Amino acid sequence: MAVRSKEALSAYRALLRATRKTFAGDSLMLTESAAEIRKKFEENRLLTSEADLNRLLDEARDASYFISTMIVQAKLNSRGDYEVKPGKEHAGATLEHPSEILRKNMG
């Protein structure tokens, strides 16, 4: 197996691990994210440009890091509210509620 193939496989697995951890218990997100990751890697399977390969591998590593550290899955609690429980990997991240983002973009 070529070095690039090993790098791509490693990046692919890292992305899947990140989504499995971040979206644990959310079967829809697990299924959809795995399908999207697979699709993106398949689209670029035959790519040979060294610059493009480097860029895509960097993007995959960045995406894995982003998913692991910047996304927290909210869970429905017994009171009918959603709770967010960030872990130590989320230290230093800021919390933005989707409605806050929409208000910023509209105002």
PDB file of N, CA and C in Angstrom:
ATOM      1  N   MET A   1       0.860  -1.184   0.000  1.00  0.00           N
ATOM      2  CA  MET A   1       0.000   0.000   0.000  1.00  0.00           C
ATOM      3  C   MET A   1       0.894   1.232   0.000  1.00  0.00           C
ATOM      4  N   ALA A   2       0.629   2.145  -0.871  1.00  0.00           N
ATOM      5  CA  ALA A   2       1.420   3.360  -0.979  1.00  0.00           C
ATOM      6  C   ALA A   2       1.254   4.223   0.267  1.00  0.00           C
ATOM      7  N   VAL A   3       2.241   5.089   0.508  1.00  0.00           N
ATOM      8  CA  VAL A   3       2.211   5.972   1.679  1.00  0.00           C
ATOM      9  C   VAL A   3       0.954   6.830   1.676  1.00  0.00           C
ATOM     10  N   ARG A   4       0.602   7.379   0.521  1.00  0.00           N
ATOM     11  CA  ARG A   4      -0.592   8.231   0.424  1.00  0.00           C
ATOM     12  C   ARG A   4      -1.861   7.458   0.753  1.00  0.00           C
ATOM     13  N   SER A   5      -1.929   6.217   0.337  1.00  0.00           N
ATOM     14  CA  SER A   5      -3.105   5.394   0.646  1.00  0.00           C
ATOM     15  C   SER A   5      -3.225   5.190   2.143  1.00  0.00           C
ATOM     16  N   LYS A   6      -2.095   4.975   2.796  1.00  0.00           N
ATOM     17  CA  LYS A   6      -2.113   4.802   4.253  1.00  0.00           C
ATOM     18  C   LYS A   6      -2.540   6.086   4.949  1.00  0.00           C
ATOM     19  N   GLU A   7      -2.050   7.220   4.442  1.00  0.00           N
ATOM     20  CA  GLU A   7      -2.447   8.510   5.014  1.00  0.00           C
ATOM     21  C   GLU A   7      -3.945   8.751   4.835  1.00  0.00           C
ATOM     22  N   ALA A   8      -4.443   8.438   3.655  1.00  0.00           N
ATOM     23  CA  ALA A   8      -5.874   8.629   3.372  1.00  0.00           C
ATOM     24  C   ALA A   8      -6.716   7.717   4.260  1.00  0.00           C
ATOM     25  N   LEU A   9      -6.295   6.473   4.404  1.00  0.00           N
ATOM     26  CA  LEU A   9      -7.034   5.532   5.250  1.00  0.00           C
ATOM     27  C   LEU A   9      -7.017   5.993   6.704  1.00  0.00           C
ATOM     28  N   SER A  10      -5.883   6.490   7.151  1.00  0.00           N
ATOM     29  CA  SER A  10      -5.775   6.998   8.519  1.00  0.00           C
ATOM     30  C   SER A  10      -6.694   8.198   8.734  1.00  0.00           C
ATOM     31  N   ALA A  11      -6.723   9.118   7.770  1.00  0.00           N
ATOM     32  CA  ALA A  11      -7.592  10.292   7.859  1.00  0.00           C
ATOM     33  C   ALA A  11      -9.068   9.879   7.837  1.00  0.00           C
ATOM     34  N   TYR A  12      -9.385   8.908   6.992  1.00  0.00           N
ATOM     35  CA  TYR A  12     -10.758   8.392   6.890  1.00  0.00           C
ATOM     36  C   TYR A  12     -11.203   7.802   8.234  1.00  0.00           C
ATOM     37  N   ARG A  13     -10.350   6.968   8.799  1.00  0.00           N
ATOM     38  CA  ARG A  13     -10.681   6.334  10.091  1.00  0.00           C
ATOM     39  C   ARG A  13     -10.797   7.361  11.210  1.00  0.00           C
ATOM     40  N   ALA A  14      -9.917   8.359  11.197  1.00  0.00           N
ATOM     41  CA  ALA A  14      -9.976   9.407  12.222  1.00  0.00           C
ATOM     42  C   ALA A  14     -11.295  10.173  12.146  1.00  0.00           C
ATOM     43  N   LEU A  15     -11.745  10.460  10.936  1.00  0.00           N
ATOM     44  CA  LEU A  15     -13.034  11.138  10.772  1.00  0.00           C
ATOM     45  C   LEU A  15     -14.186  10.284  11.285  1.00  0.00           C
ATOM     46  N   LEU A  16     -14.160   9.004  10.967  1.00  0.00           N
ATOM     47  CA  LEU A  16     -15.229   8.122  11.453  1.00  0.00           C
ATOM     48  C   LEU A  16     -15.209   8.015  12.978  1.00  0.00           C
ATOM     49  N   ARG A  17     -14.011   7.920  13.570  1.00  0.00           N
ATOM     50  CA  ARG A  17     -13.913   7.871  15.039  1.00  0.00           C
ATOM     51  C   ARG A  17     -14.459   9.150  15.658  1.00  0.00           C
ATOM     52  N   ALA A  18     -14.108  10.286  15.074  1.00  0.00           N
ATOM     53  CA  ALA A  18     -14.579  11.570  15.596  1.00  0.00           C
ATOM     54  C   ALA A  18     -16.102  11.652  15.558  1.00  0.00           C
ATOM     55  N   THR A  19     -16.697  11.216  14.451  1.00  0.00           N
ATOM     56  CA  THR A  19     -18.166  11.284  14.363  1.00  0.00           C
ATOM     57  C   THR A  19     -18.826  10.280  15.296  1.00  0.00           C
ATOM     58  N   ARG A  20     -18.233   9.085  15.435  1.00  0.00           N
ATOM     59  CA  ARG A  20     -18.816   8.093  16.357  1.00  0.00           C
ATOM     60  C   ARG A  20     -18.809   8.601  17.786  1.00  0.00           C
ATOM     61  N   LYS A  21     -17.754   9.298  18.173  1.00  0.00           N
ATOM     62  CA  LYS A  21     -17.677   9.824  19.532  1.00  0.00           C
ATOM     63  C   LYS A  21     -18.623  11.008  19.703  1.00  0.00           C
ATOM     64  N   THR A  22     -18.590  11.927  18.769  1.00  0.00           N
ATOM     65  CA  THR A  22     -19.382  13.150  18.883  1.00  0.00           C
ATOM     66  C   THR A  22     -20.881  12.881  18.776  1.00  0.00           C
ATOM     67  N   PHE A  23     -21.265  11.978  17.893  1.00  0.00           N
ATOM     68  CA  PHE A  23     -22.688  11.726  17.656  1.00  0.00           C
ATOM     69  C   PHE A  23     -23.175  10.405  18.254  1.00  0.00           C
ATOM     70  N   ALA A  24     -22.487   9.924  19.269  1.00  0.00           N
ATOM     71  CA  ALA A  24     -22.885   8.666  19.917  1.00  0.00           C
ATOM     72  C   ALA A  24     -24.355   8.733  20.337  1.00  0.00           C
ATOM     73  N   GLY A  25     -25.100   7.714  19.978  1.00  0.00           N
ATOM     74  CA  GLY A  25     -26.518   7.650  20.331  1.00  0.00           C
ATOM     75  C   GLY A  25     -27.447   8.315  19.329  1.00  0.00           C
ATOM     76  N   ASP A  26     -26.906   8.985  18.334  1.00  0.00           N
ATOM     77  CA  ASP A  26     -27.717   9.664  17.322  1.00  0.00           C
ATOM     78  C   ASP A  26     -27.538   8.912  15.999  1.00  0.00           C
ATOM     79  N   SER A  27     -28.364   7.906  15.797  1.00  0.00           N
ATOM     80  CA  SER A  27     -28.186   7.022  14.638  1.00  0.00           C
ATOM     81  C   SER A  27     -28.296   7.758  13.306  1.00  0.00           C
ATOM     82  N   LEU A  28     -29.159   8.758  13.222  1.00  0.00           N
ATOM     83  CA  LEU A  28     -29.283   9.514  11.979  1.00  0.00           C
ATOM     84  C   LEU A  28     -27.978  10.242  11.652  1.00  0.00           C
ATOM     85  N   MET A  29     -27.416  10.949  12.614  1.00  0.00           N
ATOM     86  CA  MET A  29     -26.161  11.677  12.376  1.00  0.00           C
ATOM     87  C   MET A  29     -25.014  10.717  12.097  1.00  0.00           C
ATOM     88  N   LEU A  30     -24.980   9.591  12.783  1.00  0.00           N
ATOM     89  CA  LEU A  30     -23.922   8.601  12.544  1.00  0.00           C
ATOM     90  C   LEU A  30     -23.993   8.071  11.116  1.00  0.00           C
ATOM     91  N   THR A  31     -25.188   7.723  10.687  1.00  0.00           N
ATOM     92  CA  THR A  31     -25.383   7.189   9.340  1.00  0.00           C
ATOM     93  C   THR A  31     -25.068   8.229   8.275  1.00  0.00           C
ATOM     94  N   GLU A  32     -25.613   9.426   8.446  1.00  0.00           N
ATOM     95  CA  GLU A  32     -25.432  10.483   7.452  1.00  0.00           C
ATOM     96  C   GLU A  32     -23.982  10.962   7.385  1.00  0.00           C
ATOM     97  N   SER A  33     -23.341  11.110   8.528  1.00  0.00           N
ATOM     98  CA  SER A  33     -21.951  11.583   8.506  1.00  0.00           C
ATOM     99  C   SER A  33     -21.033  10.532   7.891  1.00  0.00           C
ATOM    100  N   ALA A  34     -21.249   9.258   8.204  1.00  0.00           N
ATOM    101  CA  ALA A  34     -20.435   8.189   7.608  1.00  0.00           C
ATOM    102  C   ALA A  34     -20.621   8.153   6.091  1.00  0.00           C
ATOM    103  N   ALA A  35     -21.849   8.329   5.641  1.00  0.00           N
ATOM    104  CA  ALA A  35     -22.122   8.332   4.196  1.00  0.00           C
ATOM    105  C   ALA A  35     -21.444   9.519   3.517  1.00  0.00           C
ATOM    106  N   GLU A  36     -21.484  10.687   4.146  1.00  0.00           N
ATOM    107  CA  GLU A  36     -20.868  11.879   3.570  1.00  0.00           C
ATOM    108  C   GLU A  36     -19.341  11.749   3.522  1.00  0.00           C
ATOM    109  N   ILE A  37     -18.759  11.212   4.576  1.00  0.00           N
ATOM    110  CA  ILE A  37     -17.305  10.996   4.605  1.00  0.00           C
ATOM    111  C   ILE A  37     -16.910  10.033   3.496  1.00  0.00           C
ATOM    112  N   ARG A  38     -17.623   8.944   3.386  1.00  0.00           N
ATOM    113  CA  ARG A  38     -17.337   7.955   2.345  1.00  0.00           C
ATOM    114  C   ARG A  38     -17.446   8.577   0.953  1.00  0.00           C
ATOM    115  N   LYS A  39     -18.502   9.350   0.743  1.00  0.00           N
ATOM    116  CA  LYS A  39     -18.732   9.996  -0.552  1.00  0.00           C
ATOM    117  C   LYS A  39     -17.561  10.910  -0.919  1.00  0.00           C
ATOM    118  N   LYS A  40     -17.122  11.726   0.024  1.00  0.00           N
ATOM    119  CA  LYS A  40     -16.028  12.666  -0.248  1.00  0.00           C
ATOM    120  C   LYS A  40     -14.728  11.925  -0.569  1.00  0.00           C
ATOM    121  N   PHE A  41     -14.449  10.856   0.148  1.00  0.00           N
ATOM    122  CA  PHE A  41     -13.226  10.101  -0.128  1.00  0.00           C
ATOM    123  C   PHE A  41     -13.328   9.376  -1.471  1.00  0.00           C
ATOM    124  N   GLU A  42     -14.490   8.839  -1.794  1.00  0.00           N
ATOM    125  CA  GLU A  42     -14.682   8.162  -3.080  1.00  0.00           C
ATOM    126  C   GLU A  42     -14.540   9.136  -4.246  1.00  0.00           C
ATOM    127  N   GLU A  43     -15.050  10.362  -4.083  1.00  0.00           N
ATOM    128  CA  GLU A  43     -14.954  11.373  -5.150  1.00  0.00           C
ATOM    129  C   GLU A  43     -13.504  11.670  -5.520  1.00  0.00           C
ATOM    130  N   ASN A  44     -12.603  11.498  -4.564  1.00  0.00           N
ATOM    131  CA  ASN A  44     -11.204  11.850  -4.776  1.00  0.00           C
ATOM    132  C   ASN A  44     -10.275  10.645  -4.828  1.00  0.00           C
ATOM    133  N   ARG A  45     -10.830   9.475  -4.981  1.00  0.00           N
ATOM    134  CA  ARG A  45     -10.057   8.232  -4.969  1.00  0.00           C
ATOM    135  C   ARG A  45      -8.945   8.207  -6.021  1.00  0.00           C
ATOM    136  N   LEU A  46      -9.192   8.731  -7.187  1.00  0.00           N
ATOM    137  CA  LEU A  46      -8.233   8.644  -8.290  1.00  0.00           C
ATOM    138  C   LEU A  46      -7.363   9.895  -8.439  1.00  0.00           C
ATOM    139  N   LEU A  47      -7.445  10.792  -7.493  1.00  0.00           N
ATOM    140  CA  LEU A  47      -6.670  12.019  -7.537  1.00  0.00           C
ATOM    141  C   LEU A  47      -5.177  11.716  -7.454  1.00  0.00           C
ATOM    142  N   THR A  48      -4.381  12.370  -8.287  1.00  0.00           N
ATOM    143  CA  THR A  48      -2.936  12.118  -8.294  1.00  0.00           C
ATOM    144  C   THR A  48      -2.107  13.367  -8.025  1.00  0.00           C
ATOM    145  N   SER A  49      -2.683  14.531  -8.106  1.00  0.00           N
ATOM    146  CA  SER A  49      -1.949  15.772  -7.876  1.00  0.00           C
ATOM    147  C   SER A  49      -1.477  15.839  -6.422  1.00  0.00           C
ATOM    148  N   GLU A  50      -0.168  15.966  -6.242  1.00  0.00           N
ATOM    149  CA  GLU A  50       0.411  16.019  -4.889  1.00  0.00           C
ATOM    150  C   GLU A  50      -0.156  17.191  -4.090  1.00  0.00           C
ATOM    151  N   ALA A  51      -0.288  18.338  -4.733  1.00  0.00           N
ATOM    152  CA  ALA A  51      -0.821  19.519  -4.043  1.00  0.00           C
ATOM    153  C   ALA A  51      -2.268  19.287  -3.598  1.00  0.00           C
ATOM    154  N   ASP A  52      -3.080  18.708  -4.481  1.00  0.00           N
ATOM    155  CA  ASP A  52      -4.476  18.433  -4.136  1.00  0.00           C
ATOM    156  C   ASP A  52      -4.574  17.390  -3.029  1.00  0.00           C
ATOM    157  N   LEU A  53      -3.733  16.363  -3.104  1.00  0.00           N
ATOM    158  CA  LEU A  53      -3.730  15.333  -2.057  1.00  0.00           C
ATOM    159  C   LEU A  53      -3.367  15.940  -0.710  1.00  0.00           C
ATOM    160  N   ASN A  54      -2.341  16.761  -0.686  1.00  0.00           N
ATOM    161  CA  ASN A  54      -1.941  17.416   0.564  1.00  0.00           C
ATOM    162  C   ASN A  54      -3.062  18.271   1.121  1.00  0.00           C
ATOM    163  N   ARG A  55      -3.707  19.038   0.248  1.00  0.00           N
ATOM    164  CA  ARG A  55      -4.809  19.906   0.676  1.00  0.00           C
ATOM    165  C   ARG A  55      -5.960  19.093   1.256  1.00  0.00           C
ATOM    166  N   LEU A  56      -6.339  18.031   0.571  1.00  0.00           N
ATOM    167  CA  LEU A  56      -7.466  17.207   1.037  1.00  0.00           C
ATOM    168  C   LEU A  56      -7.142  16.467   2.331  1.00  0.00           C
ATOM    169  N   LEU A  57      -5.920  15.985   2.472  1.00  0.00           N
ATOM    170  CA  LEU A  57      -5.537  15.327   3.716  1.00  0.00           C
ATOM    171  C   LEU A  57      -5.526  16.325   4.875  1.00  0.00           C
ATOM    172  N   ASP A  58      -5.047  17.539   4.615  1.00  0.00           N
ATOM    173  CA  ASP A  58      -5.092  18.584   5.649  1.00  0.00           C
ATOM    174  C   ASP A  58      -6.539  18.907   6.027  1.00  0.00           C
ATOM    175  N   GLU A  59      -7.405  19.003   5.025  1.00  0.00           N
ATOM    176  CA  GLU A  59      -8.819  19.273   5.295  1.00  0.00           C
ATOM    177  C   GLU A  59      -9.452  18.158   6.119  1.00  0.00           C
ATOM    178  N   ALA A  60      -9.113  16.924   5.822  1.00  0.00           N
ATOM    179  CA  ALA A  60      -9.655  15.791   6.577  1.00  0.00           C
ATOM    180  C   ALA A  60      -9.182  15.838   8.031  1.00  0.00           C
ATOM    181  N   ARG A  61      -7.902  16.155   8.241  1.00  0.00           N
ATOM    182  CA  ARG A  61      -7.384  16.261   9.613  1.00  0.00           C
ATOM    183  C   ARG A  61      -8.055  17.416  10.350  1.00  0.00           C
ATOM    184  N   ASP A  62      -8.219  18.545   9.665  1.00  0.00           N
ATOM    185  CA  ASP A  62      -8.897  19.691  10.279  1.00  0.00           C
ATOM    186  C   ASP A  62     -10.346  19.354  10.632  1.00  0.00           C
ATOM    187  N   ALA A  63     -11.019  18.657   9.737  1.00  0.00           N
ATOM    188  CA  ALA A  63     -12.417  18.277   9.979  1.00  0.00           C
ATOM    189  C   ALA A  63     -12.528  17.348  11.179  1.00  0.00           C
ATOM    190  N   SER A  64     -11.617  16.404  11.276  1.00  0.00           N
ATOM    191  CA  SER A  64     -11.617  15.480  12.409  1.00  0.00           C
ATOM    192  C   SER A  64     -11.424  16.237  13.722  1.00  0.00           C
ATOM    193  N   TYR A  65     -10.479  17.162  13.731  1.00  0.00           N
ATOM    194  CA  TYR A  65     -10.230  17.974  14.919  1.00  0.00           C
ATOM    195  C   TYR A  65     -11.460  18.824  15.248  1.00  0.00           C
ATOM    196  N   PHE A  66     -12.043  19.459  14.234  1.00  0.00           N
ATOM    197  CA  PHE A  66     -13.218  20.309  14.438  1.00  0.00           C
ATOM    198  C   PHE A  66     -14.377  19.507  15.025  1.00  0.00           C
ATOM    199  N   ILE A  67     -14.649  18.356  14.437  1.00  0.00           N
ATOM    200  CA  ILE A  67     -15.755  17.524  14.914  1.00  0.00           C
ATOM    201  C   ILE A  67     -15.525  17.102  16.363  1.00  0.00           C
ATOM    202  N   SER A  68     -14.287  16.768  16.690  1.00  0.00           N
ATOM    203  CA  SER A  68     -13.960  16.293  18.034  1.00  0.00           C
ATOM    204  C   SER A  68     -13.977  17.382  19.093  1.00  0.00           C
ATOM    205  N   THR A  69     -13.613  18.598  18.712  1.00  0.00           N
ATOM    206  CA  THR A  69     -13.437  19.639  19.727  1.00  0.00           C
ATOM    207  C   THR A  69     -14.446  20.773  19.682  1.00  0.00           C
ATOM    208  N   MET A  70     -15.120  20.949  18.560  1.00  0.00           N
ATOM    209  CA  MET A  70     -16.002  22.111  18.430  1.00  0.00           C
ATOM    210  C   MET A  70     -17.494  21.766  18.374  1.00  0.00           C
ATOM    211  N   ILE A  71     -17.813  20.508  18.257  1.00  0.00           N
ATOM    212  CA  ILE A  71     -19.217  20.106  18.186  1.00  0.00           C
ATOM    213  C   ILE A  71     -19.574  19.310  19.424  1.00  0.00           C
ATOM    214  N   VAL A  72     -20.663  19.693  20.058  1.00  0.00           N
ATOM    215  CA  VAL A  72     -21.184  18.967  21.213  1.00  0.00           C
ATOM    216  C   VAL A  72     -22.628  18.617  20.901  1.00  0.00           C
ATOM    217  N   GLN A  73     -22.950  17.358  20.996  1.00  0.00           N
ATOM    218  CA  GLN A  73     -24.299  16.888  20.693  1.00  0.00           C
ATOM    219  C   GLN A  73     -25.205  17.165  21.894  1.00  0.00           C
ATOM    220  N   ALA A  74     -26.271  17.926  21.691  1.00  0.00           N
ATOM    221  CA  ALA A  74     -27.253  18.175  22.746  1.00  0.00           C
ATOM    222  C   ALA A  74     -28.130  16.937  22.901  1.00  0.00           C
ATOM    223  N   LYS A  75     -28.476  16.622  24.135  1.00  0.00           N
ATOM    224  CA  LYS A  75     -29.308  15.444  24.399  1.00  0.00           C
ATOM    225  C   LYS A  75     -30.567  15.866  25.136  1.00  0.00           C
ATOM    226  N   LEU A  76     -31.667  15.240  24.768  1.00  0.00           N
ATOM    227  CA  LEU A  76     -32.951  15.505  25.402  1.00  0.00           C
ATOM    228  C   LEU A  76     -32.957  14.893  26.796  1.00  0.00           C
ATOM    229  N   ASN A  77     -33.293  15.698  27.809  1.00  0.00           N
ATOM    230  CA  ASN A  77     -33.339  15.169  29.176  1.00  0.00           C
ATOM    231  C   ASN A  77     -34.769  14.802  29.568  1.00  0.00           C
ATOM    232  N   SER A  78     -34.934  14.317  30.779  1.00  0.00           N
ATOM    233  CA  SER A  78     -36.245  13.844  31.244  1.00  0.00           C
ATOM    234  C   SER A  78     -37.265  14.970  31.388  1.00  0.00           C
ATOM    235  N   ARG A  79     -36.805  16.214  31.479  1.00  0.00           N
ATOM    236  CA  ARG A  79     -37.713  17.367  31.596  1.00  0.00           C
ATOM    237  C   ARG A  79     -38.179  17.872  30.232  1.00  0.00           C
ATOM    238  N   GLY A  80     -37.650  17.290  29.158  1.00  0.00           N
ATOM    239  CA  GLY A  80     -38.021  17.727  27.819  1.00  0.00           C
ATOM    240  C   GLY A  80     -37.145  18.844  27.286  1.00  0.00           C
ATOM    241  N   ASP A  81     -36.077  19.150  28.001  1.00  0.00           N
ATOM    242  CA  ASP A  81     -35.126  20.174  27.566  1.00  0.00           C
ATOM    243  C   ASP A  81     -33.901  19.490  26.969  1.00  0.00           C
ATOM    244  N   TYR A  82     -33.142  20.259  26.210  1.00  0.00           N
ATOM    245  CA  TYR A  82     -31.882  19.740  25.677  1.00  0.00           C
ATOM    246  C   TYR A  82     -30.738  20.202  26.556  1.00  0.00           C
ATOM    247  N   GLU A  83     -29.833  19.276  26.844  1.00  0.00           N
ATOM    248  CA  GLU A  83     -28.660  19.578  27.660  1.00  0.00           C
ATOM    249  C   GLU A  83     -27.400  19.392  26.826  1.00  0.00           C
ATOM    250  N   VAL A  84     -26.455  20.257  27.076  1.00  0.00           N
ATOM    251  CA  VAL A  84     -25.151  20.153  26.423  1.00  0.00           C
ATOM    252  C   VAL A  84     -24.130  19.916  27.525  1.00  0.00           C
ATOM    253  N   LYS A  85     -23.382  18.845  27.393  1.00  0.00           N
ATOM    254  CA  LYS A  85     -22.351  18.515  28.378  1.00  0.00           C
ATOM    255  C   LYS A  85     -20.999  18.420  27.681  1.00  0.00           C
ATOM    256  N   PRO A  86     -20.319  19.578  27.566  1.00  0.00           N
ATOM    257  CA  PRO A  86     -19.015  19.540  26.911  1.00  0.00           C
ATOM    258  C   PRO A  86     -17.997  18.777  27.751  1.00  0.00           C
ATOM    259  N   GLY A  87     -17.095  18.083  27.072  1.00  0.00           N
ATOM    260  CA  GLY A  87     -16.032  17.351  27.752  1.00  0.00           C
ATOM    261  C   GLY A  87     -14.765  18.179  27.812  1.00  0.00           C
ATOM    262  N   LYS A  88     -13.725  17.604  28.390  1.00  0.00           N
ATOM    263  CA  LYS A  88     -12.462  18.340  28.524  1.00  0.00           C
ATOM    264  C   LYS A  88     -11.852  18.682  27.168  1.00  0.00           C
ATOM    265  N   GLU A  89     -12.170  17.901  26.124  1.00  0.00           N
ATOM    266  CA  GLU A  89     -11.661  18.209  24.792  1.00  0.00           C
ATOM    267  C   GLU A  89     -12.266  19.483  24.213  1.00  0.00           C
ATOM    268  N   HIS A  90     -13.341  19.981  24.838  1.00  0.00           N
ATOM    269  CA  HIS A  90     -14.005  21.195  24.379  1.00  0.00           C
ATOM    270  C   HIS A  90     -13.548  22.432  25.161  1.00  0.00           C
ATOM    271  N   ALA A  91     -12.592  22.280  26.057  1.00  0.00           N
ATOM    272  CA  ALA A  91     -12.121  23.401  26.880  1.00  0.00           C
ATOM    273  C   ALA A  91     -11.654  24.546  25.989  1.00  0.00           C
ATOM    274  N   GLY A  92     -12.135  25.742  26.299  1.00  0.00           N
ATOM    275  CA  GLY A  92     -11.746  26.923  25.541  1.00  0.00           C
ATOM    276  C   GLY A  92     -12.652  27.242  24.369  1.00  0.00           C
ATOM    277  N   ALA A  93     -13.518  26.322  24.007  1.00  0.00           N
ATOM    278  CA  ALA A  93     -14.445  26.562  22.899  1.00  0.00           C
ATOM    279  C   ALA A  93     -15.576  27.467  23.385  1.00  0.00           C
ATOM    280  N   THR A  94     -16.151  28.222  22.480  1.00  0.00           N
ATOM    281  CA  THR A  94     -17.286  29.064  22.838  1.00  0.00           C
ATOM    282  C   THR A  94     -18.568  28.379  22.395  1.00  0.00           C
ATOM    283  N   LEU A  95     -19.611  28.593  23.152  1.00  0.00           N
ATOM    284  CA  LEU A  95     -20.905  27.994  22.851  1.00  0.00           C
ATOM    285  C   LEU A  95     -21.748  28.989  22.082  1.00  0.00           C
ATOM    286  N   GLU A  96     -22.194  28.576  20.924  1.00  0.00           N
ATOM    287  CA  GLU A  96     -23.124  29.393  20.153  1.00  0.00           C
ATOM    288  C   GLU A  96     -24.348  28.558  19.859  1.00  0.00           C
ATOM    289  N   HIS A  97     -25.465  29.089  20.199  1.00  0.00           N
ATOM    290  CA  HIS A  97     -26.737  28.446  19.940  1.00  0.00           C
ATOM    291  C   HIS A  97     -27.129  28.778  18.507  1.00  0.00           C
ATOM    292  N   PRO A  98     -27.669  27.834  17.749  1.00  0.00           N
ATOM    293  CA  PRO A  98     -28.026  28.119  16.346  1.00  0.00           C
ATOM    294  C   PRO A  98     -28.886  29.367  16.169  1.00  0.00           C
ATOM    295  N   SER A  99     -29.798  29.643  17.108  1.00  0.00           N
ATOM    296  CA  SER A  99     -30.647  30.821  16.966  1.00  0.00           C
ATOM    297  C   SER A  99     -29.820  32.102  17.115  1.00  0.00           C
ATOM    298  N   GLU A 100     -28.734  32.064  17.905  1.00  0.00           N
ATOM    299  CA  GLU A 100     -27.860  33.236  18.047  1.00  0.00           C
ATOM    300  C   GLU A 100     -27.150  33.509  16.728  1.00  0.00           C
ATOM    301  N   ILE A 101     -26.728  32.477  16.052  1.00  0.00           N
ATOM    302  CA  ILE A 101     -26.059  32.630  14.775  1.00  0.00           C
ATOM    303  C   ILE A 101     -27.021  33.234  13.753  1.00  0.00           C
ATOM    304  N   LEU A 102     -28.253  32.745  13.740  1.00  0.00           N
ATOM    305  CA  LEU A 102     -29.237  33.285  12.808  1.00  0.00           C
ATOM    306  C   LEU A 102     -29.505  34.765  13.064  1.00  0.00           C
ATOM    307  N   ARG A 103     -29.606  35.156  14.351  1.00  0.00           N
ATOM    308  CA  ARG A 103     -29.844  36.562  14.689  1.00  0.00           C
ATOM    309  C   ARG A 103     -28.687  37.434  14.214  1.00  0.00           C
ATOM    310  N   LYS A 104     -27.459  36.951  14.379  1.00  0.00           N
ATOM    311  CA  LYS A 104     -26.282  37.713  13.933  1.00  0.00           C
ATOM    312  C   LYS A 104     -26.314  37.916  12.432  1.00  0.00           C
ATOM    313  N   ASN A 105     -26.681  36.870  11.712  1.00  0.00           N
ATOM    314  CA  ASN A 105     -26.689  36.935  10.252  1.00  0.00           C
ATOM    315  C   ASN A 105     -27.832  37.791   9.712  1.00  0.00           C
ATOM    316  N   MET A 106     -28.922  37.879  10.442  1.00  0.00           N
ATOM    317  CA  MET A 106     -30.077  38.634   9.976  1.00  0.00           C
ATOM    318  C   MET A 106     -30.013  40.096  10.396  1.00  0.00           C
ATOM    319  N   GLY A 107     -29.258  40.388  11.454  1.00  0.00           N
ATOM    320  CA  GLY A 107     -29.268  41.744  12.007  1.00  0.00           C
ATOM    321  C   GLY A 107     -28.219  42.614  11.525  1.00  0.00           C
TER     322      GLY A 107
END
